[in-house]
Amino acid sequence: MSDGIVYLTADFTAATGTQTTATIERGLTATGPWTLLATIDLLGQVGSFTDTLAPYDVNIFYRWSGFPAGAGSVIVQGPFLETSTGGVTLRDPLRPWANLELSFCNTMTQAMAEMCGPIIPALMWVGLGDKTYRADANLFDVYNARVPADIYGVRKRLDGSMKVLSKTLAAKDAVETFFAGGGPVAIHLPPVYGFPDAVVQPGDVNETYLSEDQRRAIRMWEAPFTVVDQPVGPVQGTVCANWCAVQATFPTFAALTASGYTWGQVASGVAVCPSGEMDGFGIGPFGDGPFGDGG
């Protein structure tokens, strides 16, 4: 399964003028329609961007528009294809190293009986709770009128909840770490759920022991959520692609130079990540989560 993350670099040095910023948009064709993702600063007319919420199983394209505009200041890249296994993923747009991939059991009874395996899979998707589409309205009584005044706005997208099962202490820690950031997260479900990819803000997270013998690691996690817009902010580094890993791999500048790697390869994670692992530093702040140099 792909990690649902696309690492992009655009070079505007051949364009007319000197571009200092660029907007990045995503679309399903090379001609759009386009959805704005971000506006970033360019360094030496070169920009890097990490799309941490790339949709699965469809071709996607990106359009860079450099400013000040000039001939050659629009760059279209793609197609990119992030493939899924038909499972469930929970993704943190700003902390992609904490993402969770969840498996299935046929029934909750099987999950609790550990018939999916004594340890593996250690993380399983249990399901969604009921959905509520909240009204955004207020009613005010009007003197000597039989009906109140009605002030209303568009109905909220939905409120709901999700349940996840963890079966090992390591899996428990992974779930706790995933929710620890406190911000919006993304839910990706198979199409059969009829629940399109959405960014949600989780509420209080509840951890429940499922055995009276609390030495057994199995836990149920439930969190209410509200659908929100995608957060805007700097993306933290990933498990292997962070500045601590660079320093450990290349303790001196001379060691990096001798390796033959470029700074672009360092920034993409190729220089320090094992083959096939998640890579890419994102756009800052240099992996300052628990795997970075600021955590």
Protein backbone atom coordinates (compact mmCIF):
# COMPACT_ATOMS: atom_id res chain seq x y z
CA MET A 1 0.00 0.00 0.00
CA SER A 2 1.22 3.51 -0.79
CA ASP A 3 1.52 5.96 2.07
CA GLY A 4 -0.87 8.47 0.48
CA ILE A 5 1.86 11.11 0.43
CA VAL A 6 3.20 12.81 -2.71
CA TYR A 7 6.51 14.68 -2.58
CA LEU A 8 6.75 17.50 -5.12
CA THR A 9 9.50 19.81 -6.33
CA ALA A 10 9.07 22.54 -8.97
CA ASP A 11 11.85 24.57 -10.60
CA PHE A 12 10.90 27.98 -12.06
CA THR A 13 14.40 29.08 -13.03
CA ALA A 14 13.56 28.72 -16.75
CA ALA A 15 10.50 30.96 -16.41
CA THR A 16 10.47 34.64 -17.32
CA GLY A 17 11.12 36.88 -14.31
CA THR A 18 11.96 35.89 -10.76
CA GLN A 19 9.24 33.89 -9.03
CA THR A 20 9.23 34.20 -5.22
CA THR A 21 6.00 32.37 -4.30
CA ALA A 22 3.79 29.70 -5.85
CA THR A 23 0.34 28.24 -5.36
CA ILE A 24 -0.13 24.47 -5.55
CA GLU A 25 -3.41 22.97 -6.74
CA ARG A 26 -4.57 19.35 -7.13
CA GLY A 27 -6.83 17.92 -9.82
CA LEU A 28 -7.92 14.60 -11.29
CA THR A 29 -6.92 15.57 -14.84
CA ALA A 30 -4.06 17.58 -16.34
CA THR A 31 -6.52 20.38 -17.10
CA GLY A 32 -8.39 20.47 -13.79
CA PRO A 33 -10.73 21.41 -12.26
CA TRP A 34 -8.25 22.38 -9.57
CA THR A 35 -8.44 22.49 -5.77
CA LEU A 36 -6.12 24.92 -4.02
CA LEU A 37 -3.80 23.21 -1.51
CA ALA A 38 -1.28 25.83 -0.42
CA THR A 39 0.75 28.93 -1.20
CA ILE A 40 4.46 28.58 -0.44
CA ASP A 41 7.64 30.64 -0.65
CA LEU A 42 10.26 29.65 -3.21
CA LEU A 43 13.98 29.44 -2.52
CA GLY A 44 16.07 30.29 -5.57
CA GLN A 45 12.89 29.90 -7.68
CA VAL A 46 12.60 26.28 -6.53
CA GLY A 47 9.73 25.04 -4.36
CA SER A 48 9.04 21.84 -2.45
CA PHE A 49 5.66 20.66 -1.22
CA THR A 50 4.34 17.52 0.46
CA ASP A 51 0.72 16.50 -0.18
CA THR A 52 -0.10 14.37 2.87
CA LEU A 53 -3.74 13.77 1.89
CA ALA A 54 -3.40 12.52 -1.67
CA PRO A 55 -6.48 10.46 -2.63
CA TYR A 56 -6.01 6.75 -3.22
CA ASP A 57 -6.60 4.72 -6.39
CA VAL A 58 -7.05 7.63 -8.82
CA ASN A 59 -4.60 9.51 -11.02
CA ILE A 60 -3.87 12.94 -9.60
CA PHE A 61 -2.16 15.99 -11.07
CA TYR A 62 -0.68 19.14 -9.56
CA ARG A 63 -0.51 22.67 -10.96
CA TRP A 64 2.11 25.12 -9.72
CA SER A 65 1.54 28.81 -10.49
CA GLY A 66 4.57 30.99 -9.81
CA PHE A 67 4.35 34.69 -8.90
CA PRO A 68 5.20 37.17 -10.28
CA ALA A 69 3.66 35.49 -13.30
CA GLY A 70 5.51 35.17 -16.58
CA ALA A 71 6.04 32.80 -19.47
CA GLY A 72 6.70 29.33 -18.09
CA SER A 73 5.45 30.21 -14.61
CA VAL A 74 2.76 27.48 -14.65
CA ILE A 75 4.00 23.92 -14.14
CA VAL A 76 1.71 20.87 -14.30
CA GLN A 77 2.99 17.59 -12.82
CA GLY A 78 1.50 14.10 -12.93
CA PRO A 79 -0.08 11.71 -13.07
CA PHE A 80 0.66 10.32 -9.61
CA LEU A 81 -1.10 7.21 -8.30
CA GLU A 82 -1.30 6.27 -4.63
CA THR A 83 -2.71 2.75 -4.31
CA SER A 84 -4.64 1.33 -1.36
CA THR A 85 -5.18 -2.22 -0.20
CA GLY A 86 -8.90 -1.65 0.27
CA GLY A 87 -8.38 -1.20 3.99
CA VAL A 88 -8.78 1.76 6.35
CA THR A 89 -6.21 4.47 6.97
CA LEU A 90 -6.25 7.26 9.51
CA ARG A 91 -3.98 10.11 8.50
CA ASP A 92 -2.71 13.20 10.29
CA PRO A 93 -2.13 15.85 7.60
CA LEU A 94 0.55 17.65 9.63
CA ARG A 95 2.11 14.58 11.31
CA PRO A 96 2.26 11.93 8.56
CA TRP A 97 4.74 9.81 10.51
CA ALA A 98 1.91 9.01 12.97
CA ASN A 99 -0.52 7.65 10.33
CA LEU A 100 -2.29 4.36 11.10
CA GLU A 101 -3.19 1.52 8.74
CA LEU A 102 -6.02 -0.64 10.07
CA SER A 103 -7.10 -4.19 9.24
CA PHE A 104 -10.48 -5.91 9.43
CA CYS A 105 -12.06 -8.81 11.28
CA ASN A 106 -15.33 -10.27 10.00
CA THR A 107 -17.13 -9.62 13.27
CA MET A 108 -16.47 -7.90 16.59
CA THR A 109 -16.76 -11.30 18.29
CA GLN A 110 -13.87 -12.58 16.21
CA ALA A 111 -11.85 -9.51 17.02
CA MET A 112 -12.31 -9.93 20.77
CA ALA A 113 -11.57 -13.63 20.54
CA GLU A 114 -8.39 -12.78 18.62
CA MET A 115 -9.41 -15.09 15.79
CA CYS A 116 -7.73 -12.74 13.35
CA GLY A 117 -4.43 -13.91 14.85
CA PRO A 118 -2.98 -13.83 18.36
CA ILE A 119 -1.07 -10.60 17.71
CA ILE A 120 -1.23 -9.69 14.03
CA PRO A 121 -3.05 -7.65 12.91
CA ALA A 122 -2.44 -5.51 15.98
CA LEU A 123 -4.67 -2.64 14.83
CA MET A 124 -8.19 -3.15 13.54
CA TRP A 125 -10.99 -0.94 12.32
CA VAL A 126 -14.23 -1.53 14.21
CA GLY A 127 -16.52 0.98 12.54
CA LEU A 128 -18.35 4.28 12.47
CA GLY A 129 -20.96 5.41 14.95
CA ASP A 130 -24.26 7.10 14.14
CA LYS A 131 -24.08 10.31 12.11
CA THR A 132 -25.73 13.61 12.99
CA TYR A 133 -26.23 16.49 10.56
CA ARG A 134 -26.53 19.43 12.94
CA ALA A 135 -28.80 22.37 12.23
CA ASP A 136 -27.31 25.85 12.34
CA ALA A 137 -30.44 27.73 13.33
CA ASN A 138 -31.92 29.89 16.08
CA LEU A 139 -35.58 30.56 16.86
CA PHE A 140 -36.67 33.78 18.60
CA ASP A 141 -40.17 34.43 19.86
CA VAL A 142 -41.81 37.51 18.34
CA TYR A 143 -44.31 39.41 20.48
CA ASN A 144 -47.93 38.84 19.46
CA ALA A 145 -46.93 36.45 16.65
CA ARG A 146 -47.90 32.77 16.53
CA VAL A 147 -44.59 31.69 15.00
CA PRO A 148 -41.07 32.62 16.04
CA ALA A 149 -38.45 34.32 13.94
CA ASP A 150 -36.13 31.82 12.31
CA ILE A 151 -32.47 32.60 11.65
CA TYR A 152 -30.68 29.76 9.91
CA GLY A 153 -27.61 28.84 7.91
CA VAL A 154 -26.34 25.85 5.99
CA ARG A 155 -26.60 22.55 7.86
CA LYS A 156 -23.30 21.19 9.18
CA ARG A 157 -21.68 18.40 7.16
CA LEU A 158 -21.90 15.82 9.94
CA ASP A 159 -20.88 14.71 13.40
CA GLY A 160 -20.04 11.08 14.05
CA SER A 161 -17.64 8.78 15.85
CA MET A 162 -15.12 6.06 15.07
CA LYS A 163 -13.93 2.93 16.85
CA VAL A 164 -10.51 1.28 16.64
CA LEU A 165 -9.25 -1.89 18.33
CA SER A 166 -5.63 -2.33 19.46
CA LYS A 167 -4.27 -5.72 20.54
CA THR A 168 -0.71 -5.02 21.69
CA LEU A 169 0.95 -2.41 23.86
CA ALA A 170 2.89 -1.15 20.84
CA ALA A 171 -0.38 -0.74 18.93
CA LYS A 172 -1.91 1.02 21.93
CA ASP A 173 0.99 3.47 21.96
CA ALA A 174 0.58 4.05 18.20
CA VAL A 175 -3.10 4.96 18.61
CA GLU A 176 -2.34 7.25 21.55
CA THR A 177 0.44 8.94 19.56
CA PHE A 178 -1.84 9.38 16.56
CA PHE A 179 -4.45 11.27 18.58
CA ALA A 180 -1.87 13.12 20.73
CA GLY A 181 -1.43 15.94 18.20
CA GLY A 182 -4.97 17.09 19.01
CA GLY A 183 -5.71 18.48 15.56
CA PRO A 184 -7.77 17.37 12.58
CA VAL A 185 -7.15 13.94 11.05
CA ALA A 186 -8.29 12.30 7.83
CA ILE A 187 -10.36 9.12 7.47
CA HIS A 188 -10.01 6.98 4.35
CA LEU A 189 -12.53 4.14 4.08
CA PRO A 190 -13.29 1.62 1.31
CA PRO A 191 -16.06 2.83 -1.05
CA VAL A 192 -18.50 0.25 0.35
CA TYR A 193 -18.90 2.45 3.45
CA GLY A 194 -20.38 5.28 1.39
CA PHE A 195 -18.22 7.68 3.41
CA PRO A 196 -15.97 9.82 1.18
CA ASP A 197 -12.51 10.84 2.33
CA ALA A 198 -12.98 13.47 5.02
CA VAL A 199 -10.94 15.57 7.43
CA VAL A 200 -12.43 15.47 10.92
CA GLN A 201 -11.72 17.06 14.28
CA PRO A 202 -11.77 14.32 16.97
CA GLY A 203 -13.21 15.14 20.37
CA ASP A 204 -12.35 13.38 23.64
CA VAL A 205 -10.75 9.98 22.96
CA ASN A 206 -11.97 7.10 25.13
CA GLU A 207 -9.76 4.05 25.82
CA THR A 208 -11.58 0.99 27.19
CA TYR A 209 -10.16 -2.24 28.63
CA LEU A 210 -11.89 -5.22 27.04
CA SER A 211 -10.70 -7.78 29.58
CA GLU A 212 -11.13 -7.86 33.32
CA ASP A 213 -7.52 -8.96 33.40
CA GLN A 214 -5.92 -5.62 32.63
CA ARG A 215 -2.61 -7.29 31.88
CA ARG A 216 -4.14 -8.20 28.52
CA ALA A 217 -3.24 -5.47 26.06
CA ILE A 218 -6.45 -5.43 24.01
CA ARG A 219 -8.18 -2.01 24.04
CA MET A 220 -11.13 -0.36 22.36
CA TRP A 221 -10.73 3.28 21.28
CA GLU A 222 -13.69 5.54 20.49
CA ALA A 223 -13.60 9.18 19.45
CA PRO A 224 -16.46 11.49 18.41
CA PHE A 225 -15.66 13.77 15.49
CA THR A 226 -16.92 16.67 13.42
CA VAL A 227 -16.09 17.09 9.73
CA VAL A 228 -13.90 20.19 9.22
CA ASP A 229 -11.70 21.79 6.57
CA GLN A 230 -8.16 20.57 5.96
CA PRO A 231 -5.71 22.21 8.39
CA VAL A 232 -3.09 24.63 7.12
CA GLY A 233 0.35 24.48 8.69
CA PRO A 234 3.88 23.10 8.55
CA VAL A 235 4.25 19.35 8.07
CA GLN A 236 6.43 17.49 10.55
CA GLY A 237 9.14 15.08 9.48
CA THR A 238 8.53 11.36 9.21
CA VAL A 239 9.89 8.46 11.23
CA CYS A 240 13.08 8.07 9.22
CA ALA A 241 13.29 11.41 7.41
CA ASN A 242 14.22 13.93 10.07
CA TRP A 243 17.26 16.00 10.84
CA CYS A 244 18.33 13.72 13.70
CA ALA A 245 18.58 10.89 11.17
CA VAL A 246 20.65 13.07 8.84
CA GLN A 247 23.07 13.96 11.64
CA ALA A 248 23.38 10.33 12.67
CA THR A 249 24.00 9.17 9.09
CA PHE A 250 26.32 12.03 8.11
CA PRO A 251 27.96 13.41 11.27
CA THR A 252 29.99 15.95 9.27
CA PHE A 253 29.45 18.02 6.15
CA ALA A 254 32.39 16.22 4.58
CA ALA A 255 30.68 12.87 5.18
CA LEU A 256 27.62 14.03 3.29
CA THR A 257 29.70 15.42 0.43
CA ALA A 258 31.65 12.17 0.17
CA SER A 259 28.43 10.14 0.02
CA GLY A 260 27.50 11.63 -3.34
CA TYR A 261 23.99 12.56 -2.20
CA THR A 262 22.57 15.95 -3.16
CA TRP A 263 20.69 18.26 -0.83
CA GLY A 264 17.57 17.49 -2.85
CA GLN A 265 17.99 13.80 -2.01
CA VAL A 266 18.48 14.71 1.63
CA ALA A 267 15.29 16.80 1.61
CA SER A 268 13.28 14.00 -0.05
CA GLY A 269 14.47 11.47 2.52
CA VAL A 270 16.26 9.23 0.00
CA ALA A 271 19.62 9.76 1.69
CA VAL A 272 18.56 8.45 5.10
CA CYS A 273 15.42 6.31 4.69
CA PRO A 274 15.68 2.56 4.03
CA SER A 275 14.32 1.50 0.66
CA GLY A 276 10.53 1.34 0.70
CA GLU A 277 10.13 3.33 3.92
CA MET A 278 8.12 6.54 4.20
CA ASP A 279 10.29 9.50 3.32
CA GLY A 280 10.19 13.26 2.94
CA PHE A 281 10.69 15.96 5.53
CA GLY A 282 7.62 17.94 4.55
CA ILE A 283 7.88 21.74 4.61
CA GLY A 284 9.05 22.11 8.22
CA PRO A 285 9.56 22.49 11.06
CA PHE A 286 12.22 19.87 10.38
CA GLY A 287 10.57 16.93 12.04
CA ASP A 288 9.89 18.45 15.43
CA GLY A 289 7.67 15.61 16.62
CA PRO A 290 8.95 12.78 18.82
CA PHE A 291 11.11 11.53 15.94
CA GLY A 292 12.54 14.92 15.07
CA ASP A 293 15.15 17.23 16.49
CA GLY A 294 12.72 19.44 18.38
CA GLY A 295 10.70 16.81 20.26
